[in-house]
Amino acid sequence: MNTIAIAAWVAGLVGFGLLVAGIALIHVPAALISAGLGLIGWAWLADKAAARVPLKPSPEGG
């Protein structure tokens, strides 16, 4: 993983945290709902990315 990818991941994590914290200042249940939706979206994106990674064939054949 290169530096740009790590920086983008950290920026996304900090941005998500700040978004949830800002919503929590207004209404805590809404912050929990938005955090849950964000985590569901993140899991969906991670699942799609994992499905695109080609599997390496085993040298033993199975």
N, C-alpha and C. Protein backbone atom coordinates (compact mmCIF):
# COMPACT_ATOMS: atom_id res chain seq x y z
N MET A 1 0.86 -1.17 0.00
CA MET A 1 0.00 0.00 0.00
C MET A 1 0.90 1.23 0.00
N ASN A 2 0.65 2.13 -0.93
CA ASN A 2 1.51 3.32 -1.02
C ASN A 2 1.00 4.44 -0.10
N THR A 3 1.78 5.49 -0.03
CA THR A 3 1.50 6.59 0.89
C THR A 3 0.17 7.29 0.56
N ILE A 4 -0.11 7.45 -0.72
CA ILE A 4 -1.35 8.13 -1.12
C ILE A 4 -2.57 7.30 -0.69
N ALA A 5 -2.50 6.00 -0.84
CA ALA A 5 -3.62 5.15 -0.45
C ALA A 5 -3.83 5.20 1.06
N ILE A 6 -2.76 5.21 1.82
CA ILE A 6 -2.88 5.30 3.28
C ILE A 6 -3.46 6.65 3.68
N ALA A 7 -2.97 7.72 3.05
CA ALA A 7 -3.48 9.06 3.36
C ALA A 7 -4.97 9.18 3.01
N ALA A 8 -5.38 8.60 1.90
CA ALA A 8 -6.79 8.64 1.52
C ALA A 8 -7.64 7.86 2.51
N TRP A 9 -7.14 6.71 2.98
CA TRP A 9 -7.88 5.90 3.94
C TRP A 9 -8.03 6.65 5.26
N VAL A 10 -6.95 7.28 5.72
CA VAL A 10 -6.99 8.03 6.99
C VAL A 10 -7.91 9.24 6.86
N ALA A 11 -7.84 9.94 5.73
CA ALA A 11 -8.71 11.11 5.52
C ALA A 11 -10.18 10.70 5.50
N GLY A 12 -10.48 9.58 4.88
CA GLY A 12 -11.86 9.09 4.87
C GLY A 12 -12.34 8.71 6.26
N LEU A 13 -11.47 8.08 7.03
CA LEU A 13 -11.83 7.69 8.39
C LEU A 13 -12.06 8.91 9.28
N VAL A 14 -11.18 9.90 9.18
CA VAL A 14 -11.33 11.13 9.97
C VAL A 14 -12.58 11.89 9.54
N GLY A 15 -12.81 11.96 8.24
CA GLY A 15 -14.00 12.65 7.74
C GLY A 15 -15.28 11.99 8.21
N PHE A 16 -15.31 10.66 8.19
CA PHE A 16 -16.49 9.94 8.67
C PHE A 16 -16.71 10.19 10.16
N GLY A 17 -15.64 10.18 10.93
CA GLY A 17 -15.74 10.45 12.36
C GLY A 17 -16.24 11.85 12.65
N LEU A 18 -15.74 12.83 11.90
CA LEU A 18 -16.18 14.21 12.10
C LEU A 18 -17.64 14.39 11.68
N LEU A 19 -18.04 13.71 10.63
CA LEU A 19 -19.44 13.79 10.20
C LEU A 19 -20.36 13.25 11.29
N VAL A 20 -20.03 12.08 11.82
CA VAL A 20 -20.86 11.48 12.87
C VAL A 20 -20.85 12.35 14.12
N ALA A 21 -19.69 12.91 14.47
CA ALA A 21 -19.61 13.77 15.66
C ALA A 21 -20.46 15.03 15.47
N GLY A 22 -20.44 15.60 14.28
CA GLY A 22 -21.25 16.78 14.01
C GLY A 22 -22.74 16.49 14.09
N ILE A 23 -23.14 15.34 13.57
CA ILE A 23 -24.55 14.96 13.66
C ILE A 23 -24.92 14.70 15.12
N ALA A 24 -23.99 14.11 15.89
CA ALA A 24 -24.27 13.82 17.30
C ALA A 24 -24.48 15.10 18.10
N LEU A 25 -23.85 16.19 17.70
CA LEU A 25 -24.07 17.46 18.38
C LEU A 25 -25.50 17.95 18.18
N ILE A 26 -26.12 17.54 17.09
CA ILE A 26 -27.49 17.94 16.82
C ILE A 26 -28.48 16.95 17.42
N HIS A 27 -28.25 15.64 17.13
CA HIS A 27 -29.21 14.61 17.56
C HIS A 27 -28.48 13.27 17.59
N VAL A 28 -28.30 12.71 18.77
CA VAL A 28 -27.49 11.49 18.94
C VAL A 28 -28.08 10.28 18.19
N PRO A 29 -29.38 10.02 18.25
CA PRO A 29 -29.89 8.87 17.50
C PRO A 29 -29.65 8.99 15.98
N ALA A 30 -29.74 10.20 15.46
CA ALA A 30 -29.46 10.39 14.04
C ALA A 30 -28.00 10.09 13.73
N ALA A 31 -27.10 10.41 14.65
CA ALA A 31 -25.68 10.10 14.46
C ALA A 31 -25.45 8.60 14.44
N LEU A 32 -26.14 7.88 15.30
CA LEU A 32 -25.99 6.42 15.31
C LEU A 32 -26.53 5.80 14.03
N ILE A 33 -27.64 6.33 13.53
CA ILE A 33 -28.20 5.83 12.28
C ILE A 33 -27.26 6.11 11.12
N SER A 34 -26.73 7.32 11.05
CA SER A 34 -25.82 7.66 9.94
C SER A 34 -24.53 6.87 10.04
N ALA A 35 -24.04 6.60 11.26
CA ALA A 35 -22.84 5.78 11.42
C ALA A 35 -23.11 4.36 10.94
N GLY A 36 -24.25 3.82 11.29
CA GLY A 36 -24.60 2.47 10.85
C GLY A 36 -24.71 2.38 9.34
N LEU A 37 -25.36 3.36 8.73
CA LEU A 37 -25.47 3.37 7.27
C LEU A 37 -24.12 3.52 6.60
N GLY A 38 -23.27 4.36 7.18
CA GLY A 38 -21.92 4.52 6.63
C GLY A 38 -21.11 3.25 6.72
N LEU A 39 -21.22 2.54 7.83
CA LEU A 39 -20.48 1.28 7.98
C LEU A 39 -21.03 0.19 7.07
N ILE A 40 -22.34 0.17 6.85
CA ILE A 40 -22.91 -0.78 5.90
C ILE A 40 -22.40 -0.48 4.49
N GLY A 41 -22.36 0.80 4.13
CA GLY A 41 -21.82 1.18 2.82
C GLY A 41 -20.36 0.82 2.67
N TRP A 42 -19.58 1.05 3.73
CA TRP A 42 -18.16 0.71 3.70
C TRP A 42 -17.98 -0.81 3.53
N ALA A 43 -18.76 -1.60 4.24
CA ALA A 43 -18.67 -3.05 4.13
C ALA A 43 -19.04 -3.51 2.72
N TRP A 44 -20.03 -2.87 2.12
CA TRP A 44 -20.43 -3.22 0.75
C TRP A 44 -19.30 -2.92 -0.23
N LEU A 45 -18.68 -1.73 -0.08
CA LEU A 45 -17.56 -1.38 -0.96
C LEU A 45 -16.38 -2.32 -0.76
N ALA A 46 -16.08 -2.68 0.47
CA ALA A 46 -14.97 -3.60 0.73
C ALA A 46 -15.26 -4.97 0.15
N ASP A 47 -16.50 -5.41 0.22
CA ASP A 47 -16.88 -6.70 -0.35
C ASP A 47 -16.74 -6.68 -1.87
N LYS A 48 -17.16 -5.59 -2.51
CA LYS A 48 -17.01 -5.47 -3.96
C LYS A 48 -15.54 -5.46 -4.36
N ALA A 49 -14.70 -4.76 -3.58
CA ALA A 49 -13.27 -4.71 -3.89
C ALA A 49 -12.62 -6.07 -3.70
N ALA A 50 -13.02 -6.80 -2.66
CA ALA A 50 -12.45 -8.12 -2.42
C ALA A 50 -12.87 -9.11 -3.51
N ALA A 51 -14.05 -8.93 -4.07
CA ALA A 51 -14.51 -9.82 -5.13
C ALA A 51 -13.76 -9.58 -6.43
N ARG A 52 -13.20 -8.39 -6.62
CA ARG A 52 -12.48 -8.08 -7.85
C ARG A 52 -11.04 -8.55 -7.83
N VAL A 53 -10.50 -8.85 -6.66
CA VAL A 53 -9.11 -9.28 -6.55
C VAL A 53 -9.01 -10.72 -7.06
N PRO A 54 -8.17 -10.95 -8.09
CA PRO A 54 -8.06 -12.32 -8.60
C PRO A 54 -7.31 -13.21 -7.60
N LEU A 55 -7.79 -14.43 -7.46
CA LEU A 55 -7.15 -15.38 -6.58
C LEU A 55 -5.92 -15.98 -7.26
N LYS A 56 -4.85 -16.17 -6.51
CA LYS A 56 -3.65 -16.79 -7.05
C LYS A 56 -3.85 -18.30 -7.08
N PRO A 57 -3.53 -18.93 -8.21
CA PRO A 57 -3.69 -20.39 -8.26
C PRO A 57 -2.66 -21.07 -7.36
N SER A 58 -3.08 -22.15 -6.77
CA SER A 58 -2.20 -22.92 -5.89
C SER A 58 -1.21 -23.71 -6.73
N PRO A 59 0.09 -23.69 -6.39
CA PRO A 59 1.06 -24.46 -7.18
C PRO A 59 0.84 -25.97 -7.08
N GLU A 60 0.17 -26.42 -6.04
CA GLU A 60 -0.09 -27.85 -5.89
C GLU A 60 -1.33 -28.28 -6.68
N GLY A 61 -2.08 -27.32 -7.17
CA GLY A 61 -3.24 -27.64 -7.99
C GLY A 61 -4.53 -27.88 -7.21
N GLY A 62 -4.58 -27.52 -5.98
CA GLY A 62 -5.84 -27.75 -5.31
C GLY A 62 -5.83 -27.33 -3.92
